[in-house]
Amino acid sequence: MKMHRDTITGITGLVGSAFFLYFTRFIKQPAKLLEPGPRIVPYVALLLIAVSSLALLIKGVIERKREEKPYFPKGGICKITLSFMKLLLYAVAMNYLGFLFTTPFATFAFIYDLKGESKVRLVTAIIISVVVTASLYAMFVYGFQIKLPSGILFE
């Protein structure tokens, strides 16, 4: 029996979530931080992954008779490699330029990577990039009390 790729992805996500859930018990938290603090982030992420994986599993089972498209459309491997290289560039740039300077540009680049055939207006992408950056900054600095990288060049 050939399984639908959504079914395979759903099973992999559920197994991976359970696997990483085991390791979350080893996360240590500094004594000064209030509960739940940054220790809750992995639990929230794993819950989102598990729920998404369950939805994919159900979708895959329901649509198992339907013919599916190729996993990577033409040029898909190249797009994924390019996106991964952008992610690496973002990580390196954040060390030098800091979170507040690099994140809006990275978010903007990822919006255009993920848009596919959809039309995205420039102004909309800029607004989303700024709002996402501000939200992440507020969440980490004020909510979790975690200092974000300011960059070597701006210290």
Protein backbone atom coordinates (compact mmCIF):
# COMPACT_ATOMS: atom_id res chain seq x y z
CA MET A 1 0.00 0.00 0.00
CA LYS A 2 1.41 3.35 -1.04
CA MET A 3 0.97 6.09 1.56
CA HIS A 4 0.12 9.68 0.73
CA ARG A 5 2.99 12.07 1.47
CA ASP A 6 0.78 14.02 3.91
CA THR A 7 0.30 10.80 5.86
CA ILE A 8 4.05 10.20 5.98
CA THR A 9 4.71 13.80 7.01
CA GLY A 10 2.03 13.61 9.72
CA ILE A 11 3.43 10.40 11.18
CA THR A 12 6.97 11.82 11.09
CA GLY A 13 5.83 15.01 12.83
CA LEU A 14 4.00 13.13 15.58
CA VAL A 15 6.93 10.79 16.22
CA GLY A 16 9.38 13.71 16.15
CA SER A 17 7.22 15.71 18.58
CA ALA A 18 7.09 12.80 21.00
CA PHE A 19 10.85 12.29 20.66
CA PHE A 20 11.69 15.94 21.38
CA LEU A 21 9.09 16.13 24.17
CA TYR A 22 11.22 13.62 26.06
CA PHE A 23 14.24 15.96 25.89
CA THR A 24 12.37 19.06 27.09
CA ARG A 25 12.61 17.77 30.65
CA PHE A 26 16.34 18.54 30.58
CA ILE A 27 15.83 22.27 29.94
CA LYS A 28 17.24 24.32 32.80
CA GLN A 29 15.98 27.77 33.68
CA PRO A 30 17.86 30.49 35.57
CA ALA A 31 16.50 31.06 39.08
CA LYS A 32 15.76 34.75 38.46
CA LEU A 33 13.13 34.14 35.76
CA LEU A 34 9.47 33.74 36.58
CA GLU A 35 7.61 30.60 35.57
CA PRO A 36 6.89 29.53 32.92
CA GLY A 37 9.49 31.77 31.28
CA PRO A 38 11.43 30.62 28.25
CA ARG A 39 10.99 26.99 29.21
CA ILE A 40 7.45 27.04 27.80
CA VAL A 41 8.57 27.88 24.23
CA PRO A 42 9.52 24.28 23.29
CA TYR A 43 6.23 22.98 24.68
CA VAL A 44 4.23 25.48 22.63
CA ALA A 45 6.27 24.69 19.52
CA LEU A 46 5.89 20.93 20.00
CA LEU A 47 2.14 21.31 20.56
CA LEU A 48 1.81 23.28 17.30
CA ILE A 49 3.89 20.71 15.43
CA ALA A 50 1.87 17.83 16.88
CA VAL A 51 -1.49 19.43 16.03
CA SER A 52 -0.32 20.28 12.50
CA SER A 53 1.05 16.76 12.05
CA LEU A 54 -2.22 15.24 13.23
CA ALA A 55 -4.13 17.43 10.74
CA LEU A 56 -1.78 16.32 7.94
CA LEU A 57 -2.18 12.68 8.95
CA ILE A 58 -5.97 12.95 8.84
CA LYS A 59 -5.84 14.80 5.50
CA GLY A 60 -3.52 12.16 4.06
CA VAL A 61 -5.81 9.33 5.13
CA ILE A 62 -8.90 11.07 3.74
CA GLU A 63 -7.21 11.90 0.42
CA ARG A 64 -5.30 8.61 0.00
CA LYS A 65 -7.14 7.71 -3.21
CA ARG A 66 -6.43 11.05 -4.86
CA GLU A 67 -3.44 11.33 -7.18
CA GLU A 68 -0.82 13.66 -5.80
CA LYS A 69 1.45 16.13 -7.53
CA PRO A 70 5.22 15.67 -7.58
CA TYR A 71 6.78 16.50 -4.23
CA PHE A 72 9.15 19.08 -5.70
CA PRO A 73 7.84 21.07 -8.64
CA LYS A 74 10.29 22.11 -11.32
CA GLY A 75 13.15 23.99 -9.65
CA GLY A 76 11.94 23.07 -6.14
CA ILE A 77 15.27 21.70 -4.91
CA CYS A 78 16.97 24.91 -6.04
CA LYS A 79 14.38 27.05 -4.20
CA ILE A 80 14.78 25.07 -0.99
CA THR A 81 18.57 25.29 -1.18
CA LEU A 82 18.36 29.04 -1.78
CA SER A 83 15.98 29.47 1.19
CA PHE A 84 18.31 27.47 3.42
CA MET A 85 21.25 29.63 2.33
CA LYS A 86 19.20 32.75 3.19
CA LEU A 87 18.50 31.30 6.62
CA LEU A 88 22.23 30.71 7.17
CA LEU A 89 23.01 34.25 5.97
CA TYR A 90 20.40 35.59 8.42
CA ALA A 91 22.03 33.69 11.31
CA VAL A 92 25.48 35.01 10.44
CA ALA A 93 24.24 38.56 9.83
CA MET A 94 22.42 38.59 13.17
CA ASN A 95 25.74 38.02 14.96
CA TYR A 96 27.20 41.13 13.33
CA LEU A 97 24.21 43.44 12.89
CA GLY A 98 21.83 42.28 15.64
CA PHE A 99 18.23 41.16 15.75
CA LEU A 100 16.50 44.48 15.14
CA PHE A 101 18.43 45.28 11.99
CA THR A 102 18.46 41.87 10.29
CA THR A 103 15.03 40.44 11.13
CA PRO A 104 12.88 42.82 9.05
CA PHE A 105 15.03 42.16 5.97
CA ALA A 106 15.05 38.40 6.58
CA THR A 107 11.27 38.35 7.08
CA PHE A 108 10.81 40.32 3.88
CA ALA A 109 13.04 37.88 1.98
CA PHE A 110 11.19 34.87 3.41
CA ILE A 111 7.81 36.37 2.47
CA TYR A 112 8.95 36.56 -1.14
CA ASP A 113 10.38 33.03 -0.94
CA LEU A 114 7.13 31.57 0.36
CA LYS A 115 4.69 33.50 -1.81
CA GLY A 116 4.96 31.05 -4.70
CA GLU A 117 2.55 32.09 -7.44
CA SER A 118 0.67 34.51 -5.17
CA LYS A 119 0.93 38.22 -5.70
CA VAL A 120 2.29 40.09 -2.68
CA ARG A 121 2.28 43.87 -2.65
CA LEU A 122 5.53 45.54 -1.62
CA VAL A 123 3.88 47.74 1.03
CA THR A 124 2.10 44.74 2.56
CA ALA A 125 5.35 42.75 2.77
CA ILE A 126 7.14 45.70 4.42
CA ILE A 127 4.35 46.18 6.98
CA ILE A 128 4.27 42.46 7.81
CA SER A 129 8.07 42.41 8.19
CA VAL A 130 8.05 45.32 10.64
CA VAL A 131 5.09 43.97 12.64
CA VAL A 132 6.64 40.48 12.90
CA THR A 133 9.96 41.95 14.05
CA ALA A 134 8.29 44.18 16.66
CA SER A 135 6.13 41.31 17.90
CA LEU A 136 9.07 38.93 18.24
CA TYR A 137 11.11 41.60 19.98
CA ALA A 138 8.33 42.34 22.47
CA MET A 139 7.67 38.64 23.07
CA PHE A 140 11.30 37.78 23.82
CA VAL A 141 12.48 40.94 25.59
CA TYR A 142 9.38 41.77 27.62
CA GLY A 143 7.50 38.46 27.78
CA PHE A 144 10.33 35.97 28.21
CA GLN A 145 12.93 38.46 29.51
CA ILE A 146 15.53 37.17 27.05
CA LYS A 147 18.07 39.59 25.64
CA LEU A 148 18.23 39.41 21.86
CA PRO A 149 21.53 39.79 19.97
CA SER A 150 22.51 43.41 19.44
CA GLY A 151 25.32 42.53 17.04
CA ILE A 152 29.07 42.83 17.31
CA LEU A 153 29.11 46.03 15.25
CA PHE A 154 26.66 47.84 17.54
CA GLU A 155 28.02 46.89 20.97
